[in-house]
């Protein structure tokens, strides 16, 4: 039974560590993408079909 308590404690500690690392990454600007939006208009998402003039 004491093993379960230790495992829960370790898992909570690891989860808090990952949360702190994620918040640090967001705060330091790791997820800011300034390049892609400026060149997005240069790439076609879908190929347009040409209509036949009849």
N, C-alpha and C. Protein backbone atom coordinates (compact mmCIF):
# COMPACT_ATOMS: atom_id res chain seq x y z
N UNK A 1 0.82 -1.19 0.00
CA UNK A 1 0.00 0.00 0.00
C UNK A 1 0.86 1.26 0.00
N UNK A 2 2.00 1.21 0.67
CA UNK A 2 2.86 2.40 0.72
C UNK A 2 3.50 2.68 -0.64
N UNK A 3 3.61 1.65 -1.49
CA UNK A 3 4.17 1.85 -2.83
C UNK A 3 3.23 2.73 -3.66
N UNK A 4 1.95 2.56 -3.51
CA UNK A 4 0.98 3.37 -4.25
C UNK A 4 1.09 4.83 -3.84
N UNK A 5 1.25 5.08 -2.56
CA UNK A 5 1.40 6.46 -2.09
C UNK A 5 2.67 7.09 -2.66
N UNK A 6 3.75 6.33 -2.71
CA UNK A 6 5.00 6.84 -3.27
C UNK A 6 4.84 7.11 -4.76
N UNK A 7 4.19 6.21 -5.49
CA UNK A 7 4.00 6.40 -6.93
C UNK A 7 3.10 7.61 -7.22
N UNK A 8 2.08 7.81 -6.44
CA UNK A 8 1.21 8.98 -6.62
C UNK A 8 1.99 10.25 -6.34
N UNK A 9 2.80 10.24 -5.29
CA UNK A 9 3.61 11.42 -4.97
C UNK A 9 4.60 11.75 -6.07
N UNK A 10 5.26 10.72 -6.60
CA UNK A 10 6.23 10.93 -7.68
C UNK A 10 5.52 11.43 -8.93
N UNK A 11 4.35 10.87 -9.25
CA UNK A 11 3.63 11.30 -10.46
C UNK A 11 3.14 12.74 -10.34
N UNK A 12 2.71 13.14 -9.17
CA UNK A 12 2.31 14.54 -8.96
C UNK A 12 3.53 15.45 -9.11
N UNK A 13 4.66 15.04 -8.58
CA UNK A 13 5.88 15.83 -8.70
C UNK A 13 6.29 15.98 -10.17
N UNK A 14 6.23 14.92 -10.93
CA UNK A 14 6.58 14.97 -12.36
C UNK A 14 5.59 15.85 -13.11
N UNK A 15 4.29 15.74 -12.80
CA UNK A 15 3.28 16.55 -13.49
C UNK A 15 3.49 18.03 -13.20
N UNK A 16 3.82 18.37 -11.96
CA UNK A 16 4.08 19.77 -11.62
C UNK A 16 5.33 20.25 -12.35
N UNK A 17 6.32 19.40 -12.49
CA UNK A 17 7.53 19.76 -13.23
C UNK A 17 7.23 20.06 -14.69
N UNK A 18 6.40 19.22 -15.31
CA UNK A 18 6.02 19.47 -16.70
C UNK A 18 5.19 20.74 -16.82
N UNK A 19 4.32 21.01 -15.87
CA UNK A 19 3.53 22.23 -15.91
C UNK A 19 4.42 23.46 -15.80
N UNK A 20 5.39 23.42 -14.92
CA UNK A 20 6.31 24.55 -14.78
C UNK A 20 7.13 24.74 -16.05
N UNK A 21 7.59 23.66 -16.65
CA UNK A 21 8.36 23.75 -17.90
C UNK A 21 7.50 24.32 -19.02
N UNK A 22 6.24 23.91 -19.10
CA UNK A 22 5.34 24.44 -20.14
C UNK A 22 5.09 25.92 -19.94
N UNK A 23 4.81 26.33 -18.71
CA UNK A 23 4.56 27.74 -18.44
C UNK A 23 5.80 28.59 -18.71
N UNK A 24 6.97 28.06 -18.40
CA UNK A 24 8.21 28.78 -18.69
C UNK A 24 8.40 28.94 -20.20
N UNK A 25 8.10 27.89 -20.97
CA UNK A 25 8.25 27.95 -22.42
C UNK A 25 7.29 28.96 -23.03
N UNK A 26 6.07 29.01 -22.53
CA UNK A 26 5.09 29.98 -23.05
C UNK A 26 5.53 31.39 -22.69
N UNK A 27 5.97 31.58 -21.48
CA UNK A 27 6.36 32.92 -21.02
C UNK A 27 7.62 33.43 -21.74
N UNK A 28 8.53 32.52 -22.08
CA UNK A 28 9.76 32.94 -22.73
C UNK A 28 9.62 33.07 -24.25
N UNK A 29 8.43 32.77 -24.79
CA UNK A 29 8.17 33.00 -26.21
C UNK A 29 8.51 31.83 -27.12
N UNK A 30 8.58 30.63 -26.60
CA UNK A 30 8.90 29.49 -27.43
C UNK A 30 7.80 29.17 -28.44
N UNK A 31 6.59 29.57 -28.17
CA UNK A 31 5.47 29.26 -29.05
C UNK A 31 5.06 30.43 -29.93
N UNK A 32 5.83 31.50 -29.92
CA UNK A 32 5.53 32.63 -30.79
C UNK A 32 6.08 32.35 -32.17
N UNK A 33 5.21 32.39 -33.15
CA UNK A 33 5.61 32.13 -34.54
C UNK A 33 5.34 33.39 -35.33
N UNK A 34 6.38 34.10 -35.64
CA UNK A 34 6.21 35.36 -36.37
C UNK A 34 6.52 35.21 -37.85
N UNK A 35 7.13 34.11 -38.24
CA UNK A 35 7.51 33.94 -39.64
C UNK A 35 6.40 33.36 -40.50
N UNK A 36 5.74 32.33 -40.01
CA UNK A 36 4.75 31.62 -40.82
C UNK A 36 3.59 32.50 -41.26
N UNK A 37 2.99 33.32 -40.39
CA UNK A 37 1.87 34.13 -40.87
C UNK A 37 2.25 35.09 -42.00
N UNK A 38 3.51 35.54 -42.03
CA UNK A 38 3.90 36.50 -43.07
C UNK A 38 4.07 35.84 -44.44
N UNK A 39 4.32 34.55 -44.49
CA UNK A 39 4.50 33.88 -45.78
C UNK A 39 3.35 32.94 -46.12
N UNK A 40 2.35 32.88 -45.28
CA UNK A 40 1.23 31.97 -45.51
C UNK A 40 0.49 32.30 -46.79
N UNK A 41 0.41 33.59 -47.13
CA UNK A 41 -0.34 33.97 -48.32
C UNK A 41 0.40 33.58 -49.61
N UNK A 42 1.66 33.22 -49.51
CA UNK A 42 2.41 32.85 -50.69
C UNK A 42 2.16 31.41 -51.14
N UNK A 43 1.61 30.61 -50.27
CA UNK A 43 1.39 29.20 -50.58
C UNK A 43 -0.09 28.93 -50.76
N UNK A 44 -0.42 28.20 -51.82
CA UNK A 44 -1.81 27.83 -52.07
C UNK A 44 -2.17 26.64 -51.21
N UNK A 45 -3.31 26.74 -50.54
CA UNK A 45 -3.78 25.62 -49.73
C UNK A 45 -4.43 24.56 -50.59
N UNK A 46 -5.23 24.99 -51.54
CA UNK A 46 -5.94 24.06 -52.41
C UNK A 46 -5.69 24.45 -53.86
N UNK A 47 -5.64 23.45 -54.70
CA UNK A 47 -5.50 23.74 -56.12
C UNK A 47 -6.89 24.01 -56.69
N UNK A 48 -6.99 25.11 -57.39
CA UNK A 48 -8.27 25.50 -57.96
C UNK A 48 -8.45 24.81 -59.31
N UNK A 49 -9.64 24.31 -59.53
CA UNK A 49 -9.95 23.66 -60.79
C UNK A 49 -10.30 24.74 -61.82
N UNK A 50 -9.78 24.54 -63.02
CA UNK A 50 -10.08 25.48 -64.09
C UNK A 50 -11.41 25.09 -64.71
N UNK A 51 -12.26 26.09 -64.92
CA UNK A 51 -13.57 25.82 -65.51
C UNK A 51 -13.46 25.88 -67.04
N UNK A 52 -14.18 24.99 -67.70
CA UNK A 52 -14.20 24.96 -69.16
C UNK A 52 -15.19 26.01 -69.66
N UNK A 53 -14.75 26.95 -70.46
CA UNK A 53 -15.72 27.92 -71.04
C UNK A 53 -16.51 27.25 -72.15
N UNK A 54 -17.81 27.19 -71.99
CA UNK A 54 -18.67 26.55 -73.01
C UNK A 54 -19.61 27.53 -73.61
